[in-house]
């Protein structure tokens, strides 16, 4: 079990098991992928977390290691709806 599994459970239970306002407050206080973290994406890309996404901490704004000029909002970019972070990359 990973910390992100717990976050997904809490988000999925918002409004049923957990109060929505409390869940929103909780999500603003956590950072499963801190700014500067190097992460592996499910499409094979390696990216660096550039900014947190208040709407969903599991889907930050990242830039690609192969092309740092490409910024991707994993929450809003339709091309990345099916792409998830599979883990952090320790060394490149």
N, C-alpha and C. Protein backbone atom coordinates (compact mmCIF):
# COMPACT_ATOMS: atom_id res chain seq x y z
N UNK A 1 0.84 -1.18 0.00
CA UNK A 1 0.00 0.00 0.00
C UNK A 1 0.89 1.25 0.00
N UNK A 2 0.53 2.20 -0.81
CA UNK A 2 1.28 3.45 -0.94
C UNK A 2 0.46 4.59 -0.35
N UNK A 3 1.11 5.69 0.03
CA UNK A 3 0.35 6.85 0.51
C UNK A 3 -0.67 7.33 -0.51
N UNK A 4 -0.35 7.21 -1.79
CA UNK A 4 -1.29 7.66 -2.82
C UNK A 4 -2.56 6.81 -2.82
N UNK A 5 -2.45 5.54 -2.42
CA UNK A 5 -3.65 4.69 -2.31
C UNK A 5 -4.60 5.25 -1.25
N UNK A 6 -4.04 5.70 -0.13
CA UNK A 6 -4.86 6.28 0.94
C UNK A 6 -5.52 7.57 0.46
N UNK A 7 -4.78 8.38 -0.27
CA UNK A 7 -5.33 9.64 -0.78
C UNK A 7 -6.48 9.34 -1.74
N UNK A 8 -6.30 8.37 -2.63
CA UNK A 8 -7.36 8.00 -3.56
C UNK A 8 -8.60 7.50 -2.82
N UNK A 9 -8.40 6.73 -1.76
CA UNK A 9 -9.51 6.22 -0.96
C UNK A 9 -10.28 7.37 -0.32
N UNK A 10 -9.55 8.31 0.27
CA UNK A 10 -10.19 9.46 0.93
C UNK A 10 -10.95 10.29 -0.09
N UNK A 11 -10.34 10.56 -1.25
CA UNK A 11 -11.00 11.33 -2.29
C UNK A 11 -12.27 10.62 -2.78
N UNK A 12 -12.17 9.32 -2.97
CA UNK A 12 -13.31 8.54 -3.45
C UNK A 12 -14.44 8.44 -2.43
N UNK A 13 -14.12 8.60 -1.17
CA UNK A 13 -15.12 8.50 -0.11
C UNK A 13 -15.67 9.87 0.31
N UNK A 14 -15.22 10.93 -0.35
CA UNK A 14 -15.68 12.28 -0.04
C UNK A 14 -17.19 12.37 -0.28
N UNK A 15 -17.88 12.88 0.70
CA UNK A 15 -19.33 13.03 0.58
C UNK A 15 -20.09 11.80 1.06
N UNK A 16 -19.41 10.70 1.26
CA UNK A 16 -20.05 9.49 1.77
C UNK A 16 -19.53 9.19 3.17
N UNK A 17 -18.28 8.79 3.26
CA UNK A 17 -17.69 8.48 4.57
C UNK A 17 -17.04 9.70 5.21
N UNK A 18 -16.61 10.64 4.37
CA UNK A 18 -15.91 11.82 4.87
C UNK A 18 -16.59 13.08 4.37
N UNK A 19 -16.63 14.09 5.22
CA UNK A 19 -17.20 15.39 4.87
C UNK A 19 -16.39 16.02 3.73
N UNK A 20 -17.09 16.53 2.71
CA UNK A 20 -16.41 17.11 1.53
C UNK A 20 -15.49 18.27 1.91
N UNK A 21 -15.92 19.13 2.81
CA UNK A 21 -15.10 20.27 3.22
C UNK A 21 -13.83 19.84 3.92
N UNK A 22 -13.93 18.83 4.75
CA UNK A 22 -12.74 18.31 5.44
C UNK A 22 -11.78 17.68 4.44
N UNK A 23 -12.33 16.95 3.47
CA UNK A 23 -11.48 16.33 2.44
C UNK A 23 -10.77 17.41 1.63
N UNK A 24 -11.49 18.48 1.23
CA UNK A 24 -10.85 19.57 0.48
C UNK A 24 -9.72 20.19 1.29
N UNK A 25 -9.96 20.44 2.59
CA UNK A 25 -8.92 21.00 3.46
C UNK A 25 -7.72 20.08 3.57
N UNK A 26 -7.99 18.80 3.73
CA UNK A 26 -6.92 17.80 3.80
C UNK A 26 -6.08 17.80 2.53
N UNK A 27 -6.74 17.82 1.37
CA UNK A 27 -6.02 17.77 0.10
C UNK A 27 -5.15 19.01 -0.12
N UNK A 28 -5.56 20.15 0.44
CA UNK A 28 -4.74 21.36 0.32
C UNK A 28 -3.48 21.27 1.18
N UNK A 29 -3.49 20.40 2.19
CA UNK A 29 -2.38 20.32 3.14
C UNK A 29 -1.36 19.24 2.83
N UNK A 30 -1.66 18.37 1.89
CA UNK A 30 -0.74 17.27 1.60
C UNK A 30 -0.07 17.47 0.26
N UNK A 31 1.03 16.79 0.08
CA UNK A 31 1.76 16.88 -1.18
C UNK A 31 2.43 15.53 -1.45
N UNK A 32 1.70 14.61 -2.08
CA UNK A 32 2.29 13.30 -2.33
C UNK A 32 3.49 13.36 -3.28
N UNK A 33 3.49 14.37 -4.15
CA UNK A 33 4.60 14.57 -5.09
C UNK A 33 5.05 16.02 -4.97
N UNK A 34 6.00 16.31 -4.05
CA UNK A 34 6.44 17.69 -3.84
C UNK A 34 7.06 18.29 -5.11
N UNK A 35 7.00 19.62 -5.19
CA UNK A 35 7.62 20.34 -6.31
C UNK A 35 9.08 19.93 -6.38
N UNK A 36 9.55 19.60 -7.57
CA UNK A 36 10.92 19.15 -7.78
C UNK A 36 11.06 17.64 -7.83
N UNK A 37 10.01 16.91 -7.44
CA UNK A 37 10.05 15.45 -7.49
C UNK A 37 10.12 14.98 -8.94
N UNK A 38 10.93 13.98 -9.16
CA UNK A 38 11.04 13.36 -10.48
C UNK A 38 10.11 12.14 -10.47
N UNK A 39 9.17 12.09 -11.43
CA UNK A 39 8.15 11.04 -11.42
C UNK A 39 8.10 10.30 -12.75
N UNK A 40 7.72 9.04 -12.66
CA UNK A 40 7.51 8.20 -13.84
C UNK A 40 6.03 8.26 -14.19
N UNK A 41 5.72 8.51 -15.46
CA UNK A 41 4.33 8.52 -15.91
C UNK A 41 3.99 7.19 -16.55
N UNK A 42 2.72 6.84 -16.53
CA UNK A 42 2.28 5.55 -17.06
C UNK A 42 2.48 5.42 -18.57
N UNK A 43 2.71 6.53 -19.27
CA UNK A 43 2.97 6.47 -20.71
C UNK A 43 4.46 6.31 -21.01
N UNK A 44 5.29 6.16 -19.96
CA UNK A 44 6.72 5.96 -20.14
C UNK A 44 7.55 7.22 -19.98
N UNK A 45 6.93 8.39 -20.01
CA UNK A 45 7.67 9.64 -19.84
C UNK A 45 8.15 9.79 -18.40
N UNK A 46 9.25 10.51 -18.26
CA UNK A 46 9.74 10.91 -16.95
C UNK A 46 9.55 12.43 -16.88
N UNK A 47 9.00 12.89 -15.75
CA UNK A 47 8.68 14.30 -15.62
C UNK A 47 9.10 14.81 -14.25
N UNK A 48 9.14 16.14 -14.12
CA UNK A 48 9.45 16.79 -12.85
C UNK A 48 8.23 17.60 -12.44
N UNK A 49 7.83 17.48 -11.17
CA UNK A 49 6.69 18.23 -10.66
C UNK A 49 7.08 19.70 -10.58
N UNK A 50 6.33 20.55 -11.30
CA UNK A 50 6.60 21.98 -11.33
C UNK A 50 5.70 22.75 -10.39
N UNK A 51 4.48 22.23 -10.19
CA UNK A 51 3.50 22.96 -9.38
C UNK A 51 2.44 21.99 -8.88
N UNK A 52 1.94 22.23 -7.68
CA UNK A 52 0.86 21.41 -7.16
C UNK A 52 -0.45 21.79 -7.82
N UNK A 53 -1.37 20.86 -7.84
CA UNK A 53 -2.69 21.11 -8.39
C UNK A 53 -3.68 21.05 -7.23
N UNK A 54 -4.25 22.19 -6.85
CA UNK A 54 -5.14 22.23 -5.69
C UNK A 54 -6.36 21.33 -5.88
N UNK A 55 -6.82 21.17 -7.11
CA UNK A 55 -8.01 20.36 -7.36
C UNK A 55 -7.76 18.88 -7.12
N UNK A 56 -6.53 18.43 -7.39
CA UNK A 56 -6.21 17.01 -7.23
C UNK A 56 -4.71 16.86 -7.05
N UNK A 57 -4.24 16.57 -5.81
CA UNK A 57 -2.80 16.48 -5.56
C UNK A 57 -2.13 15.31 -6.27
N UNK A 58 -2.91 14.35 -6.75
CA UNK A 58 -2.33 13.22 -7.47
C UNK A 58 -2.07 13.55 -8.95
N UNK A 59 -2.51 14.73 -9.39
CA UNK A 59 -2.35 15.12 -10.79
C UNK A 59 -1.75 16.53 -10.87
N UNK A 60 -0.45 16.65 -10.54
CA UNK A 60 0.21 17.96 -10.52
C UNK A 60 0.51 18.47 -11.93
N UNK A 61 1.06 19.66 -11.97
CA UNK A 61 1.57 20.23 -13.22
C UNK A 61 3.03 19.83 -13.30
N UNK A 62 3.42 19.24 -14.41
CA UNK A 62 4.77 18.71 -14.58
C UNK A 62 5.40 19.22 -15.87
N UNK A 63 6.71 19.09 -15.95
CA UNK A 63 7.38 19.29 -17.23
C UNK A 63 8.17 18.03 -17.54
N UNK A 64 8.29 17.75 -18.83
CA UNK A 64 8.95 16.52 -19.28
C UNK A 64 10.46 16.66 -19.20
N UNK A 65 11.13 15.62 -18.76
CA UNK A 65 12.60 15.62 -18.70
C UNK A 65 13.19 15.71 -20.11
N UNK A 66 12.55 15.05 -21.08
CA UNK A 66 13.05 15.07 -22.45
C UNK A 66 12.90 16.45 -23.10
N UNK A 67 11.90 17.23 -22.67
CA UNK A 67 11.67 18.55 -23.24
C UNK A 67 11.09 19.46 -22.15
N UNK A 68 11.96 20.11 -21.36
CA UNK A 68 11.49 20.94 -20.24
C UNK A 68 10.60 22.11 -20.65
N UNK A 69 10.50 22.40 -21.95
CA UNK A 69 9.62 23.49 -22.38
C UNK A 69 8.16 23.03 -22.41
N UNK A 70 7.93 21.74 -22.31
CA UNK A 70 6.56 21.20 -22.34
C UNK A 70 6.03 21.09 -20.91
N UNK A 71 5.05 21.93 -20.58
CA UNK A 71 4.39 21.90 -19.28
C UNK A 71 3.05 21.18 -19.46
N UNK A 72 2.76 20.26 -18.54
CA UNK A 72 1.54 19.47 -18.65
C UNK A 72 0.76 19.59 -17.35
N UNK A 73 -0.48 20.04 -17.45
CA UNK A 73 -1.39 20.05 -16.31
C UNK A 73 -2.12 18.71 -16.34
N UNK A 74 -1.67 17.78 -15.51
CA UNK A 74 -2.21 16.42 -15.55
C UNK A 74 -3.69 16.36 -15.15
N UNK A 75 -4.20 17.43 -14.55
CA UNK A 75 -5.61 17.48 -14.16
C UNK A 75 -6.48 18.00 -15.30
N UNK A 76 -5.97 18.99 -16.05
CA UNK A 76 -6.80 19.66 -17.05
C UNK A 76 -6.51 19.27 -18.50
N UNK A 77 -5.32 18.76 -18.78
CA UNK A 77 -4.94 18.44 -20.16
C UNK A 77 -5.61 17.14 -20.60
N UNK A 78 -6.52 17.26 -21.56
CA UNK A 78 -7.31 16.10 -22.02
C UNK A 78 -6.43 14.98 -22.56
N UNK A 79 -5.28 15.31 -23.12
CA UNK A 79 -4.40 14.27 -23.66
C UNK A 79 -3.79 13.42 -22.55
N UNK A 80 -3.87 13.91 -21.30
CA UNK A 80 -3.26 13.20 -20.17
C UNK A 80 -4.29 12.64 -19.19
N UNK A 81 -5.56 12.60 -19.59
CA UNK A 81 -6.59 12.05 -18.69
C UNK A 81 -6.31 10.61 -18.29
N UNK A 82 -5.76 9.82 -19.21
CA UNK A 82 -5.52 8.41 -18.93
C UNK A 82 -4.10 8.12 -18.46
N UNK A 83 -3.30 9.17 -18.31
CA UNK A 83 -1.91 9.02 -17.85
C UNK A 83 -1.87 9.32 -16.35
N UNK A 84 -1.21 8.44 -15.59
CA UNK A 84 -1.09 8.64 -14.15
C UNK A 84 0.38 8.56 -13.76
N UNK A 85 0.68 9.03 -12.58
CA UNK A 85 2.02 8.89 -12.02
C UNK A 85 2.11 7.49 -11.42
N UNK A 86 3.10 6.74 -11.86
CA UNK A 86 3.25 5.37 -11.36
C UNK A 86 4.24 5.29 -10.21
N UNK A 87 5.03 6.34 -10.00
CA UNK A 87 5.96 6.36 -8.88
C UNK A 87 7.00 7.44 -9.05
N UNK A 88 7.81 7.59 -8.02
CA UNK A 88 8.90 8.57 -8.08
C UNK A 88 10.14 7.88 -8.64
N UNK A 89 10.97 8.67 -9.32
CA UNK A 89 12.21 8.19 -9.89
C UNK A 89 13.33 8.70 -8.99
N UNK A 90 14.11 7.78 -8.45
CA UNK A 90 15.19 8.17 -7.54
C UNK A 90 16.39 8.74 -8.29
N UNK A 91 16.80 8.06 -9.36
CA UNK A 91 17.98 8.51 -10.11
C UNK A 91 17.67 8.48 -11.59
N UNK A 92 18.25 9.43 -12.30
CA UNK A 92 18.03 9.47 -13.75
C UNK A 92 19.32 9.16 -14.46
